[in-house]
Amino acid sequence: MIVDQIPQKSCLWLAVECEGRQISTIEGLQNASIQQAFSEKWAFQCGYCTPGFIMNCHALVEAYPEATDVEIENWLQSNICRCTSYQEIKEAIQSVLAEKKN
């Protein structure tokens, strides 16, 4: 989830801690460009980690439209994908960033 424009792990938050904050969840992203990029780049396998990665990547492209490869890799370290889709996820992010530049 994204709390006040900062990606957070939802399992670490109590509902009462969210009172008065701006909250976004995967259900709140409708037709976000990162969702389409994940699909186009096959940036998922089993799907278990996909919602967390999409939220984290969405926050990244919104906050850092000029993100470098190093910044992308740093952001990707906060989530774990056991199926190893990291390269495809990185490609999805890069495609959204390139689209935003045009």
C-alpha atoms as a PDB file:
ATOM      1  CA  MET A   1       0.000   0.000   0.000  1.00  0.00           C
ATOM      2  CA  ILE A   2       0.997   3.628  -0.343  1.00  0.00           C
ATOM      3  CA  VAL A   3       0.555   5.861   2.710  1.00  0.00           C
ATOM      4  CA  ASP A   4       0.889   9.586   2.088  1.00  0.00           C
ATOM      5  CA  GLN A   5       2.768   8.889  -1.192  1.00  0.00           C
ATOM      6  CA  ILE A   6       5.263   6.525   0.502  1.00  0.00           C
ATOM      7  CA  PRO A   7       5.138   2.758  -0.160  1.00  0.00           C
ATOM      8  CA  GLN A   8       4.582   0.740   3.016  1.00  0.00           C
ATOM      9  CA  LYS A   9       4.158  -2.907   3.891  1.00  0.00           C
ATOM     10  CA  SER A  10       0.469  -3.214   4.731  1.00  0.00           C
ATOM     11  CA  CYS A  11       1.078  -6.142   7.088  1.00  0.00           C
ATOM     12  CA  LEU A  12       2.949  -3.810   9.442  1.00  0.00           C
ATOM     13  CA  TRP A  13       0.147  -1.243   9.813  1.00  0.00           C
ATOM     14  CA  LEU A  14      -2.851  -1.322  12.092  1.00  0.00           C
ATOM     15  CA  ALA A  15      -6.006   0.214  10.642  1.00  0.00           C
ATOM     16  CA  VAL A  16      -6.087   2.773  13.462  1.00  0.00           C
ATOM     17  CA  GLU A  17      -2.656   4.046  12.365  1.00  0.00           C
ATOM     18  CA  CYS A  18      -4.097   4.938   8.952  1.00  0.00           C
ATOM     19  CA  GLU A  19      -6.729   7.323  10.271  1.00  0.00           C
ATOM     20  CA  GLY A  20      -6.437  10.698   8.575  1.00  0.00           C
ATOM     21  CA  ARG A  21      -3.832   9.509   6.082  1.00  0.00           C
ATOM     22  CA  GLN A  22      -4.062   9.203   2.311  1.00  0.00           C
ATOM     23  CA  ILE A  23      -4.084   5.464   1.535  1.00  0.00           C
ATOM     24  CA  SER A  24      -3.778   3.759  -1.849  1.00  0.00           C
ATOM     25  CA  THR A  25      -3.996   0.014  -2.398  1.00  0.00           C
ATOM     26  CA  ILE A  26      -3.751  -2.177  -5.475  1.00  0.00           C
ATOM     27  CA  GLU A  27      -7.524  -2.045  -5.768  1.00  0.00           C
ATOM     28  CA  GLY A  28      -7.314   1.747  -6.004  1.00  0.00           C
ATOM     29  CA  LEU A  29      -5.009   1.689  -9.012  1.00  0.00           C
ATOM     30  CA  GLN A  30      -7.239   1.594 -12.017  1.00  0.00           C
ATOM     31  CA  ASN A  31      -5.511   1.407 -15.358  1.00  0.00           C
ATOM     32  CA  ALA A  32      -2.212   2.694 -13.970  1.00  0.00           C
ATOM     33  CA  SER A  33       0.531   2.570 -16.571  1.00  0.00           C
ATOM     34  CA  ILE A  34       2.686   0.339 -14.352  1.00  0.00           C
ATOM     35  CA  GLN A  35      -0.047  -2.325 -14.329  1.00  0.00           C
ATOM     36  CA  GLN A  36      -0.096  -2.403 -18.120  1.00  0.00           C
ATOM     37  CA  ALA A  37       3.712  -2.485 -18.233  1.00  0.00           C
ATOM     38  CA  PHE A  38       3.793  -5.482 -15.872  1.00  0.00           C
ATOM     39  CA  SER A  39       1.499  -7.319 -18.245  1.00  0.00           C
ATOM     40  CA  GLU A  40       3.392  -6.319 -21.389  1.00  0.00           C
ATOM     41  CA  LYS A  41       6.821  -7.176 -19.944  1.00  0.00           C
ATOM     42  CA  TRP A  42       5.666 -10.392 -18.215  1.00  0.00           C
ATOM     43  CA  ALA A  43       6.891  -8.934 -14.918  1.00  0.00           C
ATOM     44  CA  PHE A  44       5.244 -11.626 -12.829  1.00  0.00           C
ATOM     45  CA  GLN A  45       5.183 -15.385 -12.563  1.00  0.00           C
ATOM     46  CA  CYS A  46       3.227 -16.867  -9.677  1.00  0.00           C
ATOM     47  CA  GLY A  47       1.620 -13.516  -8.819  1.00  0.00           C
ATOM     48  CA  TYR A  48       2.110 -13.698  -5.060  1.00  0.00           C
ATOM     49  CA  CYS A  49       4.388 -10.657  -4.894  1.00  0.00           C
ATOM     50  CA  THR A  50       2.839  -8.760  -7.809  1.00  0.00           C
ATOM     51  CA  PRO A  51       0.512  -6.394  -5.883  1.00  0.00           C
ATOM     52  CA  GLY A  52       3.343  -5.248  -3.602  1.00  0.00           C
ATOM     53  CA  PHE A  53       5.705  -4.745  -6.507  1.00  0.00           C
ATOM     54  CA  ILE A  54       3.106  -2.833  -8.514  1.00  0.00           C
ATOM     55  CA  MET A  55       2.419  -0.495  -5.608  1.00  0.00           C
ATOM     56  CA  ASN A  56       6.123   0.032  -4.940  1.00  0.00           C
ATOM     57  CA  CYS A  57       6.867   0.611  -8.629  1.00  0.00           C
ATOM     58  CA  HIS A  58       3.896   2.963  -8.997  1.00  0.00           C
ATOM     59  CA  ALA A  59       5.211   5.046  -6.086  1.00  0.00           C
ATOM     60  CA  LEU A  60       8.680   5.051  -7.651  1.00  0.00           C
ATOM     61  CA  VAL A  61       7.581   6.305 -11.072  1.00  0.00           C
ATOM     62  CA  GLU A  62       5.350   8.941  -9.487  1.00  0.00           C
ATOM     63  CA  ALA A  63       8.029  10.230  -7.092  1.00  0.00           C
ATOM     64  CA  TYR A  64      11.072   9.851  -9.350  1.00  0.00           C
ATOM     65  CA  PRO A  65      10.183  10.253 -13.041  1.00  0.00           C
ATOM     66  CA  GLU A  66      13.924  10.479 -13.806  1.00  0.00           C
ATOM     67  CA  ALA A  67      14.900   7.385 -11.756  1.00  0.00           C
ATOM     68  CA  THR A  68      18.256   5.864 -12.622  1.00  0.00           C
ATOM     69  CA  ASP A  69      19.010   2.147 -12.826  1.00  0.00           C
ATOM     70  CA  VAL A  70      20.636   2.330  -9.383  1.00  0.00           C
ATOM     71  CA  GLU A  71      17.542   3.979  -7.863  1.00  0.00           C
ATOM     72  CA  ILE A  72      15.297   1.385  -9.476  1.00  0.00           C
ATOM     73  CA  GLU A  73      17.420  -1.464  -8.119  1.00  0.00           C
ATOM     74  CA  ASN A  74      17.403   0.095  -4.641  1.00  0.00           C
ATOM     75  CA  TRP A  75      13.591   0.330  -4.687  1.00  0.00           C
ATOM     76  CA  LEU A  76      13.272  -3.265  -5.882  1.00  0.00           C
ATOM     77  CA  GLN A  77      15.245  -4.502  -2.877  1.00  0.00           C
ATOM     78  CA  SER A  78      12.326  -3.776  -0.563  1.00  0.00           C
ATOM     79  CA  ASN A  79      10.218  -6.599  -2.047  1.00  0.00           C
ATOM     80  CA  ILE A  80      11.011 -10.268  -2.555  1.00  0.00           C
ATOM     81  CA  CYS A  81      10.153 -12.295  -5.640  1.00  0.00           C
ATOM     82  CA  ARG A  82      11.014 -15.964  -5.292  1.00  0.00           C
ATOM     83  CA  CYS A  83      10.270 -16.580  -8.972  1.00  0.00           C
ATOM     84  CA  THR A  84      13.008 -14.085  -9.929  1.00  0.00           C
ATOM     85  CA  SER A  85      11.124 -11.681 -12.167  1.00  0.00           C
ATOM     86  CA  TYR A  86      13.381  -8.796 -11.183  1.00  0.00           C
ATOM     87  CA  GLN A  87      14.702  -8.121 -14.697  1.00  0.00           C
ATOM     88  CA  GLU A  88      11.187  -8.034 -16.142  1.00  0.00           C
ATOM     89  CA  ILE A  89       9.990  -5.771 -13.318  1.00  0.00           C
ATOM     90  CA  LYS A  90      12.891  -3.418 -13.978  1.00  0.00           C
ATOM     91  CA  GLU A  91      12.001  -3.398 -17.681  1.00  0.00           C
ATOM     92  CA  ALA A  92       8.390  -2.560 -16.809  1.00  0.00           C
ATOM     93  CA  ILE A  93       9.527   0.397 -14.715  1.00  0.00           C
ATOM     94  CA  GLN A  94      11.892   1.595 -17.425  1.00  0.00           C
ATOM     95  CA  SER A  95       9.127   1.427 -20.030  1.00  0.00           C
ATOM     96  CA  VAL A  96       6.805   3.559 -17.878  1.00  0.00           C
ATOM     97  CA  LEU A  97       9.572   6.083 -17.201  1.00  0.00           C
ATOM     98  CA  ALA A  98      10.339   6.281 -20.932  1.00  0.00           C
ATOM     99  CA  GLU A  99       6.638   6.772 -21.703  1.00  0.00           C
ATOM    100  CA  LYS A 100       6.441   9.624 -19.166  1.00  0.00           C
ATOM    101  CA  LYS A 101       9.357  11.403 -20.880  1.00  0.00           C
ATOM    102  CA  ASN A 102       7.523  11.488 -24.215  1.00  0.00           C
END
